[in-house]
Amino acid sequence: MDIEHFRSFLALAKHQHFSNAADEIHLSQSSLSKQIEKLEKEFSVKLFNRTTRTVRLTPAGKEFLTHARNIVDEFDLTRRNMQEYSGMERGQIILGTIPIISYLGLTSLIASFQRTYPGIELKIKEAESKTLLQWRHDLKIDVAFITQTDNKFWERN
């Protein structure tokens, strides 16, 4: 059973007609019928009363309708929220910087970034370049603005 079984159930409950529901969700009538049968088998309960002309929810089907709507709504909300992370609409970046960042003119760049990506939390940690390099190496920060340093750090790591 997957989310499409719930979507199929909702379409059939809405249309109370197999061909109309199948058209809405782009399935054949037989595939829709098989999905409904799988749901009924999974829960060991009849969800619809079927005749040659009508399809009606059973009492169990009416209760299942509430749960199916909630499940599909939560699934869709979860998908949208996760897409925000993958599309850089939400998340967190930890920026390591030397203490003189404002003198380098980077504060306006950071402010511009935050206006462009308001859903991304930007945390700034200040330290000397050597410490920032170690933090980056240890994955404690995502990005580091440093001054020129000797290569001894990279040679030992």
N, C-alpha and C. Protein backbone atom coordinates (compact mmCIF):
# COMPACT_ATOMS: atom_id res chain seq x y z
N MET A 1 0.85 -1.18 0.00
CA MET A 1 0.00 0.00 0.00
C MET A 1 0.90 1.24 0.00
N ASP A 2 0.54 2.21 -0.81
CA ASP A 2 1.28 3.46 -0.85
C ASP A 2 0.31 4.63 -0.93
N ILE A 3 0.84 5.83 -1.03
CA ILE A 3 0.01 7.04 -1.00
C ILE A 3 -0.98 7.06 -2.16
N GLU A 4 -0.64 6.44 -3.27
CA GLU A 4 -1.55 6.43 -4.43
C GLU A 4 -2.82 5.63 -4.14
N HIS A 5 -2.73 4.64 -3.28
CA HIS A 5 -3.94 3.91 -2.89
C HIS A 5 -4.91 4.83 -2.16
N PHE A 6 -4.36 5.70 -1.31
CA PHE A 6 -5.20 6.65 -0.60
C PHE A 6 -5.80 7.68 -1.57
N ARG A 7 -5.00 8.12 -2.53
CA ARG A 7 -5.51 9.07 -3.53
C ARG A 7 -6.63 8.42 -4.36
N SER A 8 -6.46 7.17 -4.69
CA SER A 8 -7.50 6.45 -5.44
C SER A 8 -8.79 6.35 -4.63
N PHE A 9 -8.64 6.01 -3.37
CA PHE A 9 -9.81 5.94 -2.49
C PHE A 9 -10.54 7.29 -2.45
N LEU A 10 -9.77 8.38 -2.28
CA LEU A 10 -10.38 9.71 -2.20
C LEU A 10 -11.10 10.08 -3.49
N ALA A 11 -10.51 9.74 -4.62
CA ALA A 11 -11.16 10.05 -5.91
C ALA A 11 -12.47 9.28 -6.05
N LEU A 12 -12.47 8.02 -5.68
CA LEU A 12 -13.70 7.22 -5.79
C LEU A 12 -14.75 7.70 -4.80
N ALA A 13 -14.34 8.08 -3.61
CA ALA A 13 -15.29 8.61 -2.62
C ALA A 13 -15.90 9.93 -3.12
N LYS A 14 -15.09 10.72 -3.80
CA LYS A 14 -15.56 12.01 -4.33
C LYS A 14 -16.55 11.81 -5.48
N HIS A 15 -16.20 10.98 -6.44
CA HIS A 15 -17.01 10.83 -7.65
C HIS A 15 -18.11 9.78 -7.52
N GLN A 16 -17.91 8.83 -6.64
CA GLN A 16 -18.85 7.71 -6.46
C GLN A 16 -19.15 7.02 -7.80
N HIS A 17 -18.12 6.98 -8.62
CA HIS A 17 -18.24 6.38 -9.96
C HIS A 17 -16.84 6.00 -10.41
N PHE A 18 -16.64 4.74 -10.77
CA PHE A 18 -15.30 4.26 -11.10
C PHE A 18 -14.68 4.97 -12.30
N SER A 19 -15.44 5.15 -13.37
CA SER A 19 -14.83 5.74 -14.56
C SER A 19 -14.45 7.20 -14.34
N ASN A 20 -15.29 7.97 -13.64
CA ASN A 20 -14.96 9.37 -13.37
C ASN A 20 -13.74 9.48 -12.44
N ALA A 21 -13.71 8.64 -11.42
CA ALA A 21 -12.57 8.66 -10.49
C ALA A 21 -11.29 8.24 -11.22
N ALA A 22 -11.38 7.22 -12.05
CA ALA A 22 -10.21 6.74 -12.80
C ALA A 22 -9.69 7.83 -13.74
N ASP A 23 -10.60 8.56 -14.37
CA ASP A 23 -10.18 9.66 -15.25
C ASP A 23 -9.44 10.73 -14.46
N GLU A 24 -9.94 11.06 -13.28
CA GLU A 24 -9.31 12.12 -12.47
C GLU A 24 -7.88 11.78 -12.10
N ILE A 25 -7.65 10.52 -11.73
CA ILE A 25 -6.31 10.14 -11.26
C ILE A 25 -5.48 9.43 -12.33
N HIS A 26 -5.99 9.42 -13.55
CA HIS A 26 -5.26 8.90 -14.71
C HIS A 26 -4.90 7.42 -14.55
N LEU A 27 -5.92 6.63 -14.18
CA LEU A 27 -5.77 5.18 -14.09
C LEU A 27 -6.87 4.53 -14.91
N SER A 28 -6.67 3.29 -15.25
CA SER A 28 -7.77 2.53 -15.85
C SER A 28 -8.75 2.15 -14.74
N GLN A 29 -9.99 1.87 -15.15
CA GLN A 29 -10.98 1.46 -14.15
C GLN A 29 -10.55 0.18 -13.44
N SER A 30 -9.95 -0.73 -14.16
CA SER A 30 -9.54 -1.99 -13.53
C SER A 30 -8.41 -1.76 -12.53
N SER A 31 -7.47 -0.86 -12.84
CA SER A 31 -6.39 -0.56 -11.89
C SER A 31 -6.95 0.10 -10.64
N LEU A 32 -7.89 1.01 -10.83
CA LEU A 32 -8.53 1.65 -9.68
C LEU A 32 -9.24 0.62 -8.83
N SER A 33 -9.97 -0.25 -9.46
CA SER A 33 -10.70 -1.30 -8.73
C SER A 33 -9.73 -2.18 -7.94
N LYS A 34 -8.60 -2.53 -8.54
CA LYS A 34 -7.61 -3.36 -7.84
C LYS A 34 -7.01 -2.62 -6.64
N GLN A 35 -6.77 -1.30 -6.78
CA GLN A 35 -6.23 -0.54 -5.65
C GLN A 35 -7.23 -0.50 -4.50
N ILE A 36 -8.50 -0.33 -4.80
CA ILE A 36 -9.53 -0.30 -3.76
C ILE A 36 -9.62 -1.67 -3.09
N GLU A 37 -9.57 -2.71 -3.88
CA GLU A 37 -9.59 -4.07 -3.32
C GLU A 37 -8.40 -4.31 -2.40
N LYS A 38 -7.22 -3.80 -2.77
CA LYS A 38 -6.03 -3.95 -1.92
C LYS A 38 -6.22 -3.23 -0.58
N LEU A 39 -6.79 -2.03 -0.65
CA LEU A 39 -7.06 -1.30 0.61
C LEU A 39 -8.02 -2.09 1.48
N GLU A 40 -9.09 -2.59 0.89
CA GLU A 40 -10.09 -3.34 1.66
C GLU A 40 -9.47 -4.61 2.24
N LYS A 41 -8.62 -5.25 1.48
CA LYS A 41 -7.95 -6.45 1.97
C LYS A 41 -6.96 -6.10 3.09
N GLU A 42 -6.22 -5.01 2.91
CA GLU A 42 -5.23 -4.57 3.91
C GLU A 42 -5.89 -4.32 5.26
N PHE A 43 -7.06 -3.68 5.24
CA PHE A 43 -7.73 -3.32 6.49
C PHE A 43 -8.84 -4.31 6.88
N SER A 44 -9.04 -5.32 6.06
CA SER A 44 -10.05 -6.35 6.33
C SER A 44 -11.43 -5.75 6.57
N VAL A 45 -11.78 -4.79 5.74
CA VAL A 45 -13.07 -4.12 5.87
C VAL A 45 -13.54 -3.65 4.50
N LYS A 46 -14.83 -3.67 4.29
CA LYS A 46 -15.41 -3.19 3.03
C LYS A 46 -15.56 -1.67 3.14
N LEU A 47 -14.97 -0.95 2.20
CA LEU A 47 -15.02 0.51 2.23
C LEU A 47 -16.14 1.09 1.36
N PHE A 48 -16.56 0.33 0.34
CA PHE A 48 -17.60 0.79 -0.57
C PHE A 48 -18.65 -0.30 -0.77
N ASN A 49 -19.90 0.11 -0.88
CA ASN A 49 -20.96 -0.75 -1.38
C ASN A 49 -21.07 -0.47 -2.86
N ARG A 50 -20.96 -1.53 -3.66
CA ARG A 50 -20.98 -1.36 -5.11
C ARG A 50 -22.20 -2.06 -5.70
N THR A 51 -22.84 -1.38 -6.62
CA THR A 51 -23.86 -2.01 -7.45
C THR A 51 -23.45 -1.75 -8.89
N THR A 52 -24.24 -2.20 -9.83
CA THR A 52 -23.89 -1.97 -11.24
C THR A 52 -23.96 -0.49 -11.59
N ARG A 53 -24.71 0.30 -10.81
CA ARG A 53 -24.88 1.71 -11.13
C ARG A 53 -24.28 2.67 -10.10
N THR A 54 -24.10 2.23 -8.88
CA THR A 54 -23.65 3.16 -7.83
C THR A 54 -22.49 2.62 -7.03
N VAL A 55 -21.78 3.56 -6.43
CA VAL A 55 -20.70 3.26 -5.50
C VAL A 55 -20.94 4.18 -4.30
N ARG A 56 -21.10 3.61 -3.12
CA ARG A 56 -21.36 4.39 -1.91
C ARG A 56 -20.42 3.94 -0.79
N LEU A 57 -20.02 4.89 0.01
CA LEU A 57 -19.17 4.56 1.17
C LEU A 57 -19.97 3.76 2.20
N THR A 58 -19.31 2.78 2.77
CA THR A 58 -19.88 2.07 3.92
C THR A 58 -19.60 2.91 5.16
N PRO A 59 -20.16 2.58 6.30
CA PRO A 59 -19.80 3.31 7.53
C PRO A 59 -18.29 3.29 7.79
N ALA A 60 -17.66 2.14 7.56
CA ALA A 60 -16.20 2.07 7.72
C ALA A 60 -15.52 2.96 6.69
N GLY A 61 -16.06 3.02 5.49
CA GLY A 61 -15.51 3.87 4.44
C GLY A 61 -15.61 5.34 4.78
N LYS A 62 -16.69 5.72 5.44
CA LYS A 62 -16.85 7.12 5.85
C LYS A 62 -15.79 7.50 6.89
N GLU A 63 -15.53 6.60 7.81
CA GLU A 63 -14.48 6.89 8.79
C GLU A 63 -13.10 6.88 8.13
N PHE A 64 -12.88 5.93 7.24
CA PHE A 64 -11.62 5.85 6.52
C PHE A 64 -11.37 7.12 5.71
N LEU A 65 -12.43 7.72 5.19
CA LEU A 65 -12.33 8.95 4.40
C LEU A 65 -11.61 10.05 5.17
N THR A 66 -11.98 10.23 6.43
CA THR A 66 -11.34 11.25 7.26
C THR A 66 -9.85 10.98 7.40
N HIS A 67 -9.52 9.74 7.68
CA HIS A 67 -8.11 9.38 7.85
C HIS A 67 -7.34 9.51 6.53
N ALA A 68 -7.94 9.08 5.44
CA ALA A 68 -7.27 9.16 4.14
C ALA A 68 -6.99 10.60 3.76
N ARG A 69 -7.94 11.49 4.01
CA ARG A 69 -7.70 12.92 3.72
C ARG A 69 -6.53 13.44 4.54
N ASN A 70 -6.50 13.10 5.82
CA ASN A 70 -5.41 13.56 6.69
C ASN A 70 -4.07 13.01 6.22
N ILE A 71 -4.04 11.76 5.85
CA ILE A 71 -2.79 11.13 5.40
C ILE A 71 -2.28 11.80 4.13
N VAL A 72 -3.16 12.00 3.16
CA VAL A 72 -2.76 12.63 1.90
C VAL A 72 -2.34 14.09 2.13
N ASP A 73 -3.09 14.81 2.96
CA ASP A 73 -2.73 16.20 3.26
C ASP A 73 -1.36 16.29 3.93
N GLU A 74 -1.11 15.42 4.91
CA GLU A 74 0.18 15.42 5.60
C GLU A 74 1.31 15.02 4.65
N PHE A 75 1.05 14.05 3.80
CA PHE A 75 2.07 13.63 2.83
C PHE A 75 2.41 14.78 1.90
N ASP A 76 1.40 15.47 1.38
CA ASP A 76 1.63 16.59 0.46
C ASP A 76 2.36 17.73 1.16
N LEU A 77 1.99 18.02 2.40
CA LEU A 77 2.67 19.07 3.17
C LEU A 77 4.13 18.69 3.40
N THR A 78 4.38 17.45 3.76
CA THR A 78 5.74 16.97 3.97
C THR A 78 6.56 17.09 2.69
N ARG A 79 5.99 16.69 1.58
CA ARG A 79 6.69 16.79 0.30
C ARG A 79 7.05 18.24 -0.01
N ARG A 80 6.10 19.16 0.16
CA ARG A 80 6.38 20.58 -0.10
C ARG A 80 7.48 21.10 0.82
N ASN A 81 7.42 20.75 2.10
CA ASN A 81 8.44 21.21 3.04
C ASN A 81 9.82 20.66 2.70
N MET A 82 9.89 19.41 2.30
CA MET A 82 11.18 18.82 1.95
C MET A 82 11.72 19.42 0.65
N GLN A 83 10.84 19.78 -0.26
CA GLN A 83 11.29 20.41 -1.50
C GLN A 83 11.87 21.79 -1.23
N GLU A 84 11.39 22.45 -0.18
CA GLU A 84 11.96 23.74 0.19
C GLU A 84 13.43 23.58 0.59
N TYR A 85 13.75 22.49 1.28
CA TYR A 85 15.14 22.25 1.66
C TYR A 85 15.99 21.95 0.43
N SER A 86 15.48 21.13 -0.45
CA SER A 86 16.27 20.76 -1.62
C SER A 86 16.41 21.92 -2.59
N GLY A 87 15.49 22.85 -2.56
CA GLY A 87 15.55 24.01 -3.43
C GLY A 87 16.18 25.22 -2.78
N MET A 88 16.86 25.01 -1.64
CA MET A 88 17.51 26.09 -0.90
C MET A 88 16.53 27.17 -0.48
N GLU A 89 15.31 26.78 -0.16
CA GLU A 89 14.34 27.74 0.35
C GLU A 89 14.31 27.74 1.87
N ARG A 90 14.85 26.67 2.45
CA ARG A 90 14.87 26.58 3.89
C ARG A 90 16.10 25.78 4.32
N GLY A 91 16.64 26.10 5.47
CA GLY A 91 17.79 25.38 5.98
C GLY A 91 18.65 26.27 6.85
N GLN A 92 19.90 25.86 7.00
CA GLN A 92 20.82 26.60 7.85
C GLN A 92 22.22 26.54 7.25
N ILE A 93 22.91 27.66 7.30
CA ILE A 93 24.32 27.71 6.89
C ILE A 93 25.09 28.32 8.05
N ILE A 94 26.16 27.65 8.44
CA ILE A 94 27.02 28.18 9.50
C ILE A 94 28.26 28.74 8.83
N LEU A 95 28.43 30.03 8.99
CA LEU A 95 29.51 30.78 8.34
C LEU A 95 30.58 31.12 9.36
N GLY A 96 31.80 30.71 9.08
CA GLY A 96 32.92 31.07 9.93
C GLY A 96 33.66 32.23 9.31
N THR A 97 34.01 33.20 10.12
CA THR A 97 34.67 34.38 9.57
C THR A 97 35.69 34.96 10.54
N ILE A 98 36.66 35.60 9.98
CA ILE A 98 37.63 36.31 10.82
C ILE A 98 36.92 37.52 11.43
N PRO A 99 37.39 38.02 12.57
CA PRO A 99 36.69 39.10 13.28
C PRO A 99 36.54 40.40 12.50
N ILE A 100 37.30 40.61 11.47
CA ILE A 100 37.23 41.90 10.76
C ILE A 100 36.33 41.85 9.52
N ILE A 101 35.32 41.02 9.52
CA ILE A 101 34.46 40.83 8.35
C ILE A 101 33.83 42.13 7.86
N SER A 102 33.43 43.00 8.80
CA SER A 102 32.76 44.24 8.38
C SER A 102 33.73 45.15 7.61
N TYR A 103 34.99 45.10 7.94
CA TYR A 103 35.99 45.91 7.23
C TYR A 103 36.22 45.41 5.80
N LEU A 104 35.89 44.17 5.55
CA LEU A 104 36.09 43.59 4.22
C LEU A 104 34.89 43.83 3.31
N GLY A 105 33.84 44.44 3.83
CA GLY A 105 32.66 44.74 3.02
C GLY A 105 31.74 43.56 2.80
N LEU A 106 31.87 42.54 3.63
CA LEU A 106 31.05 41.35 3.43
C LEU A 106 29.69 41.43 4.12
N THR A 107 29.49 42.37 5.01
CA THR A 107 28.19 42.45 5.70
C THR A 107 27.07 42.76 4.72
N SER A 108 27.31 43.59 3.73
CA SER A 108 26.26 43.88 2.74
C SER A 108 25.97 42.65 1.89
N LEU A 109 27.00 41.85 1.60
CA LEU A 109 26.81 40.61 0.86
C LEU A 109 25.96 39.63 1.66
N ILE A 110 26.23 39.52 2.96
CA ILE A 110 25.46 38.63 3.83
C ILE A 110 24.02 39.11 3.93
N ALA A 111 23.81 40.41 4.09
CA ALA A 111 22.46 40.97 4.17
C ALA A 111 21.69 40.70 2.87
N SER A 112 22.35 40.83 1.75
CA SER A 112 21.72 40.55 0.46
C SER A 112 21.32 39.09 0.35
N PHE A 113 22.19 38.20 0.81
CA PHE A 113 21.89 36.77 0.80
C PHE A 113 20.65 36.49 1.64
N GLN A 114 20.56 37.10 2.82
CA GLN A 114 19.43 36.84 3.70
C GLN A 114 18.13 37.41 3.13
N ARG A 115 18.19 38.49 2.39
CA ARG A 115 16.99 39.01 1.72
C ARG A 115 16.55 38.07 0.60
N THR A 116 17.52 37.52 -0.11
CA THR A 116 17.22 36.63 -1.22
C THR A 116 16.72 35.27 -0.75
N TYR A 117 17.24 34.78 0.37
CA TYR A 117 16.87 33.47 0.91
C TYR A 117 16.40 33.61 2.36
N PRO A 118 15.22 34.18 2.58
CA PRO A 118 14.77 34.43 3.95
C PRO A 118 14.51 33.16 4.77
N GLY A 119 14.31 32.04 4.12
CA GLY A 119 14.07 30.80 4.85
C GLY A 119 15.32 30.09 5.31
N ILE A 120 16.48 30.63 4.95
CA ILE A 120 17.74 30.01 5.36
C ILE A 120 18.31 30.79 6.53
N GLU A 121 18.48 30.08 7.62
CA GLU A 121 19.06 30.69 8.81
C GLU A 121 20.57 30.75 8.63
N LEU A 122 21.13 31.93 8.82
CA LEU A 122 22.56 32.12 8.67
C LEU A 122 23.16 32.39 10.05
N LYS A 123 24.04 31.49 10.49
CA LYS A 123 24.74 31.67 11.76
C LYS A 123 26.18 32.05 11.47
N ILE A 124 26.68 33.02 12.20
CA ILE A 124 28.04 33.48 11.98
C ILE A 124 28.87 33.22 13.23
N LYS A 125 30.02 32.56 13.03
CA LYS A 125 30.96 32.30 14.12
C LYS A 125 32.28 32.96 13.77
N GLU A 126 32.79 33.76 14.70
CA GLU A 126 34.06 34.45 14.47
C GLU A 126 35.21 33.73 15.17
N ALA A 127 36.34 33.69 14.48
CA ALA A 127 37.55 33.10 15.06
C ALA A 127 38.72 33.47 14.16
N GLU A 128 39.90 33.12 14.59
CA GLU A 128 41.10 33.34 13.78
C GLU A 128 41.12 32.30 12.66
N SER A 129 41.85 32.58 11.61
CA SER A 129 41.87 31.72 10.42
C SER A 129 42.22 30.27 10.74
N LYS A 130 43.22 30.06 11.60
CA LYS A 130 43.64 28.69 11.93
C LYS A 130 42.48 27.92 12.57
N THR A 131 41.77 28.56 13.48
CA THR A 131 40.63 27.92 14.14
C THR A 131 39.52 27.65 13.13
N LEU A 132 39.26 28.61 12.25
CA LEU A 132 38.23 28.45 11.22
C LEU A 132 38.54 27.26 10.31
N LEU A 133 39.80 27.12 9.94
CA LEU A 133 40.19 25.98 9.11
C LEU A 133 39.94 24.66 9.83
N GLN A 134 40.24 24.62 11.11
CA GLN A 134 40.01 23.40 11.88
C GLN A 134 38.50 23.12 11.97
N TRP A 135 37.70 24.16 12.23
CA TRP A 135 36.24 23.99 12.30
C TRP A 135 35.69 23.48 10.96
N ARG A 136 36.20 24.00 9.88
CA ARG A 136 35.75 23.56 8.55
C ARG A 136 36.13 22.11 8.33
N HIS A 137 37.36 21.78 8.70
CA HIS A 137 37.83 20.40 8.59
C HIS A 137 36.96 19.46 9.41
N ASP A 138 36.55 19.89 10.60
CA ASP A 138 35.72 19.08 11.50
C ASP A 138 34.22 19.18 11.18
N LEU A 139 33.89 19.90 10.11
CA LEU A 139 32.50 20.09 9.67
C LEU A 139 31.63 20.82 10.69
N LYS A 140 32.24 21.68 11.48
CA LYS A 140 31.51 22.48 12.45
C LYS A 140 30.95 23.75 11.81
N ILE A 141 31.50 24.12 10.67
CA ILE A 141 31.00 25.26 9.89
C ILE A 141 30.89 24.82 8.44
N ASP A 142 30.05 25.52 7.67
CA ASP A 142 29.86 25.17 6.26
C ASP A 142 30.79 25.94 5.34
N VAL A 143 31.09 27.18 5.70
CA VAL A 143 31.89 28.08 4.87
C VAL A 143 32.81 28.87 5.78
N ALA A 144 33.99 29.24 5.29
CA ALA A 144 34.90 30.05 6.09
C ALA A 144 35.50 31.17 5.26
N PHE A 145 35.46 32.39 5.82
CA PHE A 145 36.20 33.52 5.26
C PHE A 145 37.44 33.69 6.11
N ILE A 146 38.60 33.49 5.50
CA ILE A 146 39.86 33.52 6.26
C ILE A 146 40.86 34.45 5.58
N THR A 147 41.91 34.73 6.30
CA THR A 147 43.04 35.44 5.70
C THR A 147 44.03 34.39 5.22
N GLN A 148 45.03 34.82 4.47
CA GLN A 148 46.02 33.89 3.98
C GLN A 148 46.71 33.23 5.16
N THR A 149 46.96 31.95 5.03
CA THR A 149 47.59 31.20 6.11
C THR A 149 48.68 30.32 5.51
N ASP A 150 49.54 29.79 6.38
CA ASP A 150 50.57 28.89 5.85
C ASP A 150 49.95 27.55 5.49
N ASN A 151 50.68 26.73 4.79
CA ASN A 151 50.15 25.45 4.33
C ASN A 151 50.33 24.33 5.34
N LYS A 152 50.85 24.62 6.54
CA LYS A 152 51.09 23.57 7.52
C LYS A 152 49.80 22.89 7.94
N PHE A 153 48.70 23.64 8.00
CA PHE A 153 47.42 23.04 8.37
C PHE A 153 47.05 21.94 7.37
N TRP A 154 47.16 22.23 6.10
CA TRP A 154 46.75 21.28 5.08
C TRP A 154 47.71 20.10 4.97
N GLU A 155 48.98 20.34 5.27
CA GLU A 155 49.96 19.26 5.19
C GLU A 155 49.73 18.23 6.28
N ARG A 156 49.22 18.65 7.45
CA ARG A 156 49.02 17.68 8.54
C ARG A 156 47.62 17.08 8.52
N ASN A 157 46.74 17.60 7.72
CA ASN A 157 45.36 17.07 7.68
C ASN A 157 45.08 16.43 6.40
